[in-house]
N, C-alpha and C. Protein backbone atom coordinates (compact mmCIF):
# COMPACT_ATOMS: atom_id res chain seq x y z
N UNK A 1 0.85 -1.21 0.03
CA UNK A 1 0.00 0.00 0.00
C UNK A 1 0.87 1.26 0.00
N UNK A 2 2.04 1.18 0.64
CA UNK A 2 2.91 2.37 0.69
C UNK A 2 3.47 2.73 -0.66
N UNK A 3 3.66 1.74 -1.52
CA UNK A 3 4.28 2.00 -2.80
C UNK A 3 3.30 2.53 -3.83
N UNK A 4 1.98 2.56 -3.47
CA UNK A 4 0.99 3.01 -4.44
C UNK A 4 1.07 4.54 -4.57
N UNK A 5 0.72 5.06 -5.74
CA UNK A 5 0.68 6.49 -5.98
C UNK A 5 -0.38 7.14 -5.12
N UNK A 6 -0.18 8.44 -4.79
CA UNK A 6 -1.12 9.19 -3.94
C UNK A 6 -2.50 9.24 -4.57
N UNK A 7 -3.51 9.05 -3.75
CA UNK A 7 -4.89 9.04 -4.26
C UNK A 7 -5.49 10.45 -4.03
N UNK A 8 -6.33 10.87 -4.94
CA UNK A 8 -6.98 12.18 -4.79
C UNK A 8 -7.88 12.18 -3.60
N UNK A 9 -7.96 13.27 -2.88
CA UNK A 9 -8.84 13.33 -1.70
C UNK A 9 -10.29 13.07 -2.12
N UNK A 10 -11.01 12.31 -1.29
CA UNK A 10 -12.42 11.94 -1.62
C UNK A 10 -13.35 13.14 -1.73
N UNK A 11 -12.85 14.32 -1.27
CA UNK A 11 -13.69 15.52 -1.33
C UNK A 11 -13.91 15.95 -2.76
N UNK A 12 -12.94 15.64 -3.65
CA UNK A 12 -13.09 16.06 -5.04
C UNK A 12 -14.13 15.21 -5.71
N UNK A 13 -15.00 15.83 -6.52
CA UNK A 13 -15.97 15.11 -7.30
C UNK A 13 -15.26 14.20 -8.35
N UNK A 14 -15.88 13.11 -8.71
CA UNK A 14 -15.27 12.17 -9.65
C UNK A 14 -15.09 12.76 -11.03
N UNK A 15 -15.82 13.81 -11.31
CA UNK A 15 -15.73 14.42 -12.64
C UNK A 15 -14.39 15.08 -12.87
N UNK A 16 -13.80 15.62 -11.77
CA UNK A 16 -12.55 16.32 -11.91
C UNK A 16 -11.40 15.38 -12.24
N UNK A 17 -11.58 14.08 -11.96
CA UNK A 17 -10.50 13.14 -12.13
C UNK A 17 -10.17 12.91 -13.60
N UNK A 18 -11.16 13.11 -14.43
CA UNK A 18 -10.98 12.87 -15.87
C UNK A 18 -10.47 14.11 -16.59
N UNK A 19 -10.43 15.25 -15.91
CA UNK A 19 -9.98 16.51 -16.48
C UNK A 19 -8.56 16.82 -16.07
N UNK A 20 -7.85 17.63 -16.90
CA UNK A 20 -6.48 18.00 -16.54
C UNK A 20 -6.48 18.78 -15.19
N UNK A 21 -5.48 18.48 -14.33
CA UNK A 21 -5.53 18.86 -12.93
C UNK A 21 -5.55 20.36 -12.66
N UNK A 22 -4.54 21.10 -13.09
CA UNK A 22 -4.30 22.44 -12.52
C UNK A 22 -5.45 23.38 -12.59
N UNK A 23 -5.77 23.89 -13.76
CA UNK A 23 -6.76 24.96 -13.88
C UNK A 23 -8.17 24.50 -13.50
N UNK A 24 -8.56 23.31 -13.95
CA UNK A 24 -9.87 22.79 -13.64
C UNK A 24 -10.06 22.53 -12.14
N UNK A 25 -8.95 22.12 -11.50
CA UNK A 25 -9.03 21.86 -10.07
C UNK A 25 -9.34 23.15 -9.32
N UNK A 26 -8.68 24.25 -9.71
CA UNK A 26 -8.91 25.54 -9.06
C UNK A 26 -10.36 25.97 -9.27
N UNK A 27 -10.86 25.78 -10.49
CA UNK A 27 -12.20 26.20 -10.80
C UNK A 27 -13.22 25.37 -9.99
N UNK A 28 -12.98 24.08 -9.88
CA UNK A 28 -13.93 23.21 -9.14
C UNK A 28 -13.85 23.57 -7.65
N UNK A 29 -12.65 23.87 -7.16
CA UNK A 29 -12.51 24.23 -5.76
C UNK A 29 -13.29 25.53 -5.43
N UNK A 30 -13.10 26.52 -6.30
CA UNK A 30 -13.80 27.79 -6.06
C UNK A 30 -15.32 27.57 -6.18
N UNK A 31 -15.71 26.70 -7.13
CA UNK A 31 -17.12 26.39 -7.29
C UNK A 31 -17.68 25.74 -6.03
N UNK A 32 -16.92 24.81 -5.46
CA UNK A 32 -17.36 24.13 -4.23
C UNK A 32 -17.45 25.14 -3.08
N UNK A 33 -16.48 26.04 -3.05
CA UNK A 33 -16.50 27.06 -1.97
C UNK A 33 -17.73 27.95 -2.09
N UNK A 34 -18.09 28.34 -3.28
CA UNK A 34 -19.30 29.19 -3.43
C UNK A 34 -20.52 28.36 -3.08
N UNK A 35 -20.54 27.08 -3.38
CA UNK A 35 -21.70 26.25 -3.00
C UNK A 35 -21.81 26.19 -1.48
N UNK A 36 -20.66 25.99 -0.80
CA UNK A 36 -20.66 25.95 0.67
C UNK A 36 -21.13 27.26 1.24
N UNK A 37 -20.67 28.34 0.67
CA UNK A 37 -21.09 29.68 1.16
C UNK A 37 -22.57 29.89 0.99
N UNK A 38 -23.12 29.37 -0.15
CA UNK A 38 -24.55 29.51 -0.39
C UNK A 38 -25.35 28.70 0.63
N UNK A 39 -24.79 27.53 0.96
CA UNK A 39 -25.50 26.67 1.93
C UNK A 39 -25.46 27.32 3.34
N UNK A 40 -24.36 27.92 3.66
CA UNK A 40 -24.18 28.51 5.01
C UNK A 40 -25.16 29.67 5.20
N UNK A 41 -25.35 30.52 4.20
CA UNK A 41 -26.20 31.67 4.34
C UNK A 41 -27.68 31.31 4.18
């Protein structure tokens, strides 16, 4: 198990795994943050 590559955090939606990491990851993160903020208010 130690030799296996790092796994993406389960928090990320499965859709982001098929997309290129950098830019789309930031967009999805900000999107999730706005969703959380909407839920809080």
